[in-house]
C-alpha atoms as a PDB file:
ATOM      1  CA  UNK A   1       7.378 -10.631  41.444  1.00  0.00           C
ATOM      2  CA  UNK A   2       6.803 -13.831  39.481  1.00  0.00           C
ATOM      3  CA  UNK A   3       6.122 -13.557  35.731  1.00  0.00           C
ATOM      4  CA  UNK A   4       2.626 -14.832  34.847  1.00  0.00           C
ATOM      5  CA  UNK A   5       2.744 -18.043  32.791  1.00  0.00           C
ATOM      6  CA  UNK A   6       2.113 -17.891  29.057  1.00  0.00           C
ATOM      7  CA  UNK A   7       0.512 -21.344  28.991  1.00  0.00           C
ATOM      8  CA  UNK A   8      -2.952 -21.213  30.530  1.00  0.00           C
ATOM      9  CA  UNK A   9      -5.245 -24.040  31.488  1.00  0.00           C
ATOM     10  CA  UNK A  10      -8.954 -23.862  30.760  1.00  0.00           C
ATOM     11  CA  UNK A  11     -11.068 -22.221  33.469  1.00  0.00           C
ATOM     12  CA  UNK A  12     -14.083 -24.398  32.633  1.00  0.00           C
ATOM     13  CA  UNK A  13     -14.423 -28.191  32.625  1.00  0.00           C
ATOM     14  CA  UNK A  14     -13.404 -29.518  29.202  1.00  0.00           C
ATOM     15  CA  UNK A  15     -13.192 -33.212  30.135  1.00  0.00           C
ATOM     16  CA  UNK A  16     -16.106 -34.092  27.821  1.00  0.00           C
ATOM     17  CA  UNK A  17     -14.541 -32.418  24.773  1.00  0.00           C
ATOM     18  CA  UNK A  18     -12.147 -34.367  22.534  1.00  0.00           C
ATOM     19  CA  UNK A  19      -8.905 -32.671  21.464  1.00  0.00           C
ATOM     20  CA  UNK A  20      -8.462 -31.465  17.868  1.00  0.00           C
ATOM     21  CA  UNK A  21      -6.845 -34.090  15.656  1.00  0.00           C
ATOM     22  CA  UNK A  22      -4.979 -31.641  13.393  1.00  0.00           C
ATOM     23  CA  UNK A  23      -4.472 -27.977  12.603  1.00  0.00           C
ATOM     24  CA  UNK A  24      -7.307 -26.288  10.758  1.00  0.00           C
ATOM     25  CA  UNK A  25      -6.881 -24.548   7.415  1.00  0.00           C
ATOM     26  CA  UNK A  26      -6.351 -20.933   8.579  1.00  0.00           C
ATOM     27  CA  UNK A  27      -8.479 -19.158   5.945  1.00  0.00           C
ATOM     28  CA  UNK A  28     -11.629 -21.263   5.826  1.00  0.00           C
ATOM     29  CA  UNK A  29     -12.723 -23.470   8.692  1.00  0.00           C
ATOM     30  CA  UNK A  30     -15.122 -23.993  11.565  1.00  0.00           C
ATOM     31  CA  UNK A  31     -13.231 -23.291  14.845  1.00  0.00           C
ATOM     32  CA  UNK A  32     -12.949 -26.265  17.216  1.00  0.00           C
ATOM     33  CA  UNK A  33     -15.035 -26.060  20.403  1.00  0.00           C
ATOM     34  CA  UNK A  34     -11.863 -25.774  22.531  1.00  0.00           C
ATOM     35  CA  UNK A  35     -10.701 -22.820  20.400  1.00  0.00           C
ATOM     36  CA  UNK A  36     -14.048 -21.117  20.963  1.00  0.00           C
ATOM     37  CA  UNK A  37     -13.775 -21.640  24.725  1.00  0.00           C
ATOM     38  CA  UNK A  38     -10.186 -20.309  24.740  1.00  0.00           C
ATOM     39  CA  UNK A  39     -11.337 -17.257  22.733  1.00  0.00           C
ATOM     40  CA  UNK A  40     -14.233 -16.671  25.169  1.00  0.00           C
ATOM     41  CA  UNK A  41     -11.835 -16.819  28.122  1.00  0.00           C
ATOM     42  CA  UNK A  42      -9.566 -14.296  26.370  1.00  0.00           C
ATOM     43  CA  UNK A  43     -12.560 -12.008  25.753  1.00  0.00           C
ATOM     44  CA  UNK A  44     -13.543 -12.234  29.426  1.00  0.00           C
ATOM     45  CA  UNK A  45      -9.987 -11.352  30.457  1.00  0.00           C
ATOM     46  CA  UNK A  46      -9.938  -8.325  28.126  1.00  0.00           C
ATOM     47  CA  UNK A  47     -13.271  -7.086  29.488  1.00  0.00           C
ATOM     48  CA  UNK A  48     -12.219  -7.367  33.134  1.00  0.00           C
ATOM     49  CA  UNK A  49      -8.413  -6.915  33.197  1.00  0.00           C
ATOM     50  CA  UNK A  50      -6.597  -3.973  34.817  1.00  0.00           C
ATOM     51  CA  UNK A  51      -3.082  -4.827  33.575  1.00  0.00           C
ATOM     52  CA  UNK A  52      -3.093  -2.277  30.758  1.00  0.00           C
ATOM     53  CA  UNK A  53      -5.210   0.516  29.246  1.00  0.00           C
ATOM     54  CA  UNK A  54      -6.390   0.328  25.633  1.00  0.00           C
ATOM     55  CA  UNK A  55      -9.501   1.773  23.986  1.00  0.00           C
ATOM     56  CA  UNK A  56     -11.086  -1.021  21.937  1.00  0.00           C
ATOM     57  CA  UNK A  57     -14.190   1.110  21.331  1.00  0.00           C
ATOM     58  CA  UNK A  58     -16.361  -1.024  23.630  1.00  0.00           C
ATOM     59  CA  UNK A  59     -16.915   1.625  26.326  1.00  0.00           C
ATOM     60  CA  UNK A  60     -18.339   4.941  25.098  1.00  0.00           C
ATOM     61  CA  UNK A  61     -16.914   7.130  27.863  1.00  0.00           C
ATOM     62  CA  UNK A  62     -13.386   5.670  27.626  1.00  0.00           C
ATOM     63  CA  UNK A  63     -10.791   8.245  26.594  1.00  0.00           C
ATOM     64  CA  UNK A  64      -8.251   7.870  23.847  1.00  0.00           C
ATOM     65  CA  UNK A  65      -8.254   6.928  20.185  1.00  0.00           C
ATOM     66  CA  UNK A  66     -10.357   3.858  19.383  1.00  0.00           C
ATOM     67  CA  UNK A  67      -8.015   1.213  17.986  1.00  0.00           C
ATOM     68  CA  UNK A  68      -9.166  -2.289  17.107  1.00  0.00           C
ATOM     69  CA  UNK A  69      -6.821  -5.192  17.710  1.00  0.00           C
ATOM     70  CA  UNK A  70      -6.493  -8.726  16.345  1.00  0.00           C
ATOM     71  CA  UNK A  71      -6.036 -11.480  18.917  1.00  0.00           C
ATOM     72  CA  UNK A  72      -5.342 -15.161  18.488  1.00  0.00           C
ATOM     73  CA  UNK A  73      -5.576 -18.293  20.616  1.00  0.00           C
ATOM     74  CA  UNK A  74      -3.675 -21.541  20.131  1.00  0.00           C
ATOM     75  CA  UNK A  75      -4.962 -24.695  21.835  1.00  0.00           C
ATOM     76  CA  UNK A  76      -1.987 -26.845  22.874  1.00  0.00           C
ATOM     77  CA  UNK A  77      -0.525 -29.148  25.536  1.00  0.00           C
ATOM     78  CA  UNK A  78       2.264 -28.328  27.981  1.00  0.00           C
ATOM     79  CA  UNK A  79       5.178 -30.618  28.839  1.00  0.00           C
ATOM     80  CA  UNK A  80       2.995 -32.326  31.499  1.00  0.00           C
ATOM     81  CA  UNK A  81       0.391 -33.272  28.893  1.00  0.00           C
ATOM     82  CA  UNK A  82      -2.149 -30.755  30.215  1.00  0.00           C
ATOM     83  CA  UNK A  83      -4.467 -29.192  27.668  1.00  0.00           C
ATOM     84  CA  UNK A  84      -4.549 -25.394  27.598  1.00  0.00           C
ATOM     85  CA  UNK A  85      -3.902 -22.466  25.303  1.00  0.00           C
ATOM     86  CA  UNK A  86      -1.663 -19.533  24.429  1.00  0.00           C
ATOM     87  CA  UNK A  87      -2.776 -15.969  23.720  1.00  0.00           C
ATOM     88  CA  UNK A  88      -1.214 -13.537  21.253  1.00  0.00           C
ATOM     89  CA  UNK A  89      -2.010 -10.186  19.657  1.00  0.00           C
ATOM     90  CA  UNK A  90      -0.969  -8.508  16.429  1.00  0.00           C
ATOM     91  CA  UNK A  91       1.324  -5.479  16.481  1.00  0.00           C
ATOM     92  CA  UNK A  92       1.478  -3.545  19.714  1.00  0.00           C
ATOM     93  CA  UNK A  93      -1.061  -3.162  22.482  1.00  0.00           C
ATOM     94  CA  UNK A  94      -1.061  -0.285  24.992  1.00  0.00           C
ATOM     95  CA  UNK A  95       2.154   0.999  23.350  1.00  0.00           C
ATOM     96  CA  UNK A  96       3.904  -2.300  24.083  1.00  0.00           C
ATOM     97  CA  UNK A  97       4.348  -5.742  22.605  1.00  0.00           C
ATOM     98  CA  UNK A  98       5.279  -7.404  25.913  1.00  0.00           C
ATOM     99  CA  UNK A  99       2.238  -7.900  28.131  1.00  0.00           C
ATOM    100  CA  UNK A 100       1.529 -10.444  30.832  1.00  0.00           C
ATOM    101  CA  UNK A 101      -0.189 -13.648  29.660  1.00  0.00           C
ATOM    102  CA  UNK A 102       0.568 -12.939  25.967  1.00  0.00           C
ATOM    103  CA  UNK A 103       3.213 -14.671  23.849  1.00  0.00           C
ATOM    104  CA  UNK A 104       5.895 -12.098  22.934  1.00  0.00           C
ATOM    105  CA  UNK A 105       6.755 -11.353  19.307  1.00  0.00           C
ATOM    106  CA  UNK A 106       9.518 -13.228  17.514  1.00  0.00           C
ATOM    107  CA  UNK A 107      10.976  -9.868  16.467  1.00  0.00           C
ATOM    108  CA  UNK A 108      10.660  -7.010  18.962  1.00  0.00           C
ATOM    109  CA  UNK A 109       9.866  -3.832  17.036  1.00  0.00           C
ATOM    110  CA  UNK A 110       9.618  -1.797  20.233  1.00  0.00           C
ATOM    111  CA  UNK A 111      13.099  -2.570  21.577  1.00  0.00           C
ATOM    112  CA  UNK A 112      14.693   0.858  22.100  1.00  0.00           C
ATOM    113  CA  UNK A 113      18.189  -0.109  20.904  1.00  0.00           C
ATOM    114  CA  UNK A 114      16.907  -2.604  18.323  1.00  0.00           C
ATOM    115  CA  UNK A 115      17.216  -2.381  14.544  1.00  0.00           C
ATOM    116  CA  UNK A 116      13.645  -1.152  13.932  1.00  0.00           C
ATOM    117  CA  UNK A 117      13.769   1.751  16.400  1.00  0.00           C
ATOM    118  CA  UNK A 118      17.220   2.850  15.190  1.00  0.00           C
ATOM    119  CA  UNK A 119      16.149   2.804  11.545  1.00  0.00           C
ATOM    120  CA  UNK A 120      12.813   4.423  12.429  1.00  0.00           C
ATOM    121  CA  UNK A 121      14.777   7.333  13.941  1.00  0.00           C
ATOM    122  CA  UNK A 122      16.762   7.666  10.679  1.00  0.00           C
ATOM    123  CA  UNK A 123      13.527   7.621   8.640  1.00  0.00           C
ATOM    124  CA  UNK A 124      11.923  10.197  10.953  1.00  0.00           C
ATOM    125  CA  UNK A 125      14.942  12.448  10.470  1.00  0.00           C
ATOM    126  CA  UNK A 126      14.697  12.065   6.679  1.00  0.00           C
ATOM    127  CA  UNK A 127      10.961  12.824   6.796  1.00  0.00           C
ATOM    128  CA  UNK A 128      11.611  15.976   8.823  1.00  0.00           C
ATOM    129  CA  UNK A 129      14.234  17.049   6.289  1.00  0.00           C
ATOM    130  CA  UNK A 130      11.779  16.399   3.422  1.00  0.00           C
ATOM    131  CA  UNK A 131       9.094  18.445   5.213  1.00  0.00           C
ATOM    132  CA  UNK A 132      11.589  21.288   5.724  1.00  0.00           C
ATOM    133  CA  UNK A 133      12.633  21.212   2.066  1.00  0.00           C
ATOM    134  CA  UNK A 134       9.008  21.118   0.885  1.00  0.00           C
ATOM    135  CA  UNK A 135       8.392  24.390   2.767  1.00  0.00           C
ATOM    136  CA  UNK A 136      11.608  26.037   1.522  1.00  0.00           C
ATOM    137  CA  UNK A 137      10.919  29.288  -0.411  1.00  0.00           C
ATOM    138  CA  UNK A 138      13.454  28.492  -3.151  1.00  0.00           C
ATOM    139  CA  UNK A 139      11.918  25.057  -3.678  1.00  0.00           C
ATOM    140  CA  UNK A 140       8.374  26.480  -3.797  1.00  0.00           C
ATOM    141  CA  UNK A 141       9.483  29.165  -6.291  1.00  0.00           C
ATOM    142  CA  UNK A 142      11.109  26.495  -8.490  1.00  0.00           C
ATOM    143  CA  UNK A 143       7.974  24.332  -8.335  1.00  0.00           C
ATOM    144  CA  UNK A 144       5.878  27.330  -9.388  1.00  0.00           C
ATOM    145  CA  UNK A 145       8.315  28.084 -12.241  1.00  0.00           C
ATOM    146  CA  UNK A 146       8.298  24.421 -13.302  1.00  0.00           C
ATOM    147  CA  UNK A 147       4.473  24.352 -13.393  1.00  0.00           C
ATOM    148  CA  UNK A 148       4.395  27.564 -15.465  1.00  0.00           C
ATOM    149  CA  UNK A 149       6.999  26.182 -17.904  1.00  0.00           C
ATOM    150  CA  UNK A 150       5.146  22.882 -18.097  1.00  0.00           C
ATOM    151  CA  UNK A 151       1.888  24.601 -19.109  1.00  0.00           C
ATOM    152  CA  UNK A 152       3.787  26.902 -21.485  1.00  0.00           C
ATOM    153  CA  UNK A 153       5.485  23.924 -23.158  1.00  0.00           C
ATOM    154  CA  UNK A 154       2.139  22.126 -23.493  1.00  0.00           C
ATOM    155  CA  UNK A 155       0.687  25.220 -25.183  1.00  0.00           C
ATOM    156  CA  UNK A 156       3.721  25.540 -27.490  1.00  0.00           C
ATOM    157  CA  UNK A 157       3.547  21.840 -28.435  1.00  0.00           C
ATOM    158  CA  UNK A 158      -0.154  22.210 -29.277  1.00  0.00           C
ATOM    159  CA  UNK A 159       0.644  25.280 -31.414  1.00  0.00           C
ATOM    160  CA  UNK A 160       3.397  23.366 -33.253  1.00  0.00           C
ATOM    161  CA  UNK A 161       0.997  20.456 -33.861  1.00  0.00           C
ATOM    162  CA  UNK A 162      -1.508  22.876 -35.421  1.00  0.00           C
ATOM    163  CA  UNK A 163       1.239  24.453 -37.572  1.00  0.00           C
ATOM    164  CA  UNK A 164       2.408  21.025 -38.721  1.00  0.00           C
ATOM    165  CA  UNK A 165      -1.171  20.107 -39.617  1.00  0.00           C
ATOM    166  CA  UNK A 166      -1.628  23.379 -41.521  1.00  0.00           C
ATOM    167  CA  UNK A 167       1.759  23.051 -43.276  1.00  0.00           C
ATOM    168  CA  UNK A 168       0.955  19.453 -44.166  1.00  0.00           C
ATOM    169  CA  UNK A 169      -2.209  20.574 -45.973  1.00  0.00           C
ATOM    170  CA  UNK A 170      -0.266  23.300 -47.780  1.00  0.00           C
ATOM    171  CA  UNK A 171       2.481  20.831 -48.757  1.00  0.00           C
ATOM    172  CA  UNK A 172      -0.102  18.338 -50.041  1.00  0.00           C
ATOM    173  CA  UNK A 173      -1.772  21.121 -52.038  1.00  0.00           C
ATOM    174  CA  UNK A 174       1.616  22.298 -53.425  1.00  0.00           C
ATOM    175  CA  UNK A 175       2.545  18.696 -54.328  1.00  0.00           C
ATOM    176  CA  UNK A 176      -0.790  18.186 -56.079  1.00  0.00           C
ATOM    177  CA  UNK A 177      -0.350  21.455 -57.995  1.00  0.00           C
ATOM    178  CA  UNK A 178       3.240  20.547 -58.976  1.00  0.00           C
ATOM    179  CA  UNK A 179       2.086  17.077 -60.009  1.00  0.00           C
ATOM    180  CA  UNK A 180      -0.700  18.490 -62.170  1.00  0.00           C
ATOM    181  CA  UNK A 181       1.738  20.989 -63.715  1.00  0.00           C
ATOM    182  CA  UNK A 182       4.309  18.249 -64.460  1.00  0.00           C
ATOM    183  CA  UNK A 183       1.711  16.024 -66.105  1.00  0.00           C
ATOM    184  CA  UNK A 184       0.393  18.927 -68.147  1.00  0.00           C
ATOM    185  CA  UNK A 185       3.924  19.958 -69.179  1.00  0.00           C
ATOM    186  CA  UNK A 186       4.863  16.437 -70.287  1.00  0.00           C
ATOM    187  CA  UNK A 187       1.612  16.019 -72.199  1.00  0.00           C
ATOM    188  CA  UNK A 188       2.203  19.287 -73.973  1.00  0.00           C
ATOM    189  CA  UNK A 189       5.846  18.403 -74.728  1.00  0.00           C
ATOM    190  CA  UNK A 190       4.862  14.944 -75.971  1.00  0.00           C
ATOM    191  CA  UNK A 191       2.219  16.412 -78.271  1.00  0.00           C
ATOM    192  CA  UNK A 192       4.742  18.973 -79.603  1.00  0.00           C
ATOM    193  CA  UNK A 193       7.317  16.218 -80.266  1.00  0.00           C
ATOM    194  CA  UNK A 194       4.622  14.136 -81.976  1.00  0.00           C
ATOM    195  CA  UNK A 195       3.677  17.083 -84.262  1.00  0.00           C
ATOM    196  CA  UNK A 196       7.364  17.711 -85.049  1.00  0.00           C
ATOM    197  CA  UNK A 197       7.764  14.032 -85.896  1.00  0.00           C
ATOM    198  CA  UNK A 198       4.881  14.192 -88.361  1.00  0.00           C
ATOM    199  CA  UNK A 199       6.240  17.325 -89.986  1.00  0.00           C
ATOM    200  CA  UNK A 200       9.614  15.746 -90.661  1.00  0.00           C
END
């Protein structure tokens, strides 16, 4: 079986449409007429194709989770100088990232023996271990104990703050009393010394 070509020629007559002169700014632009035609032909293919099954949410009675998908078209020329386009999609489509008529990804996340799948298996194993530990009775008992100690420590800190505030007032009062006493004592002593000085 022959692999369908990635480069596709326009299905409608485009002889009266001039080619784009340059790439558009990707975040703010008016799509070229050829891009719109290429996008329309992609939409028609998606509505009528039987190559894969994916629920885009366009047919109410279609089974499966509704998952939107981002598609792109690139207007270009082939080596013969013919004007056409390429199709691509983001992520995976129908549990694959290799579908007929679509440009494959630069990096294949779905490759079974590839880096992503191998590391994904390691991460899945770690996640399962985390889930197991999170359900462990010893862990749950320690979490409960930690929460109780945390609230107890908060209460004890608040109590200490109140004691410090109370003690601070008492210290200030004691200092003021001692200060008043010292001033009074020195005044009295000074007056006594003054009287003694006069007597001599």
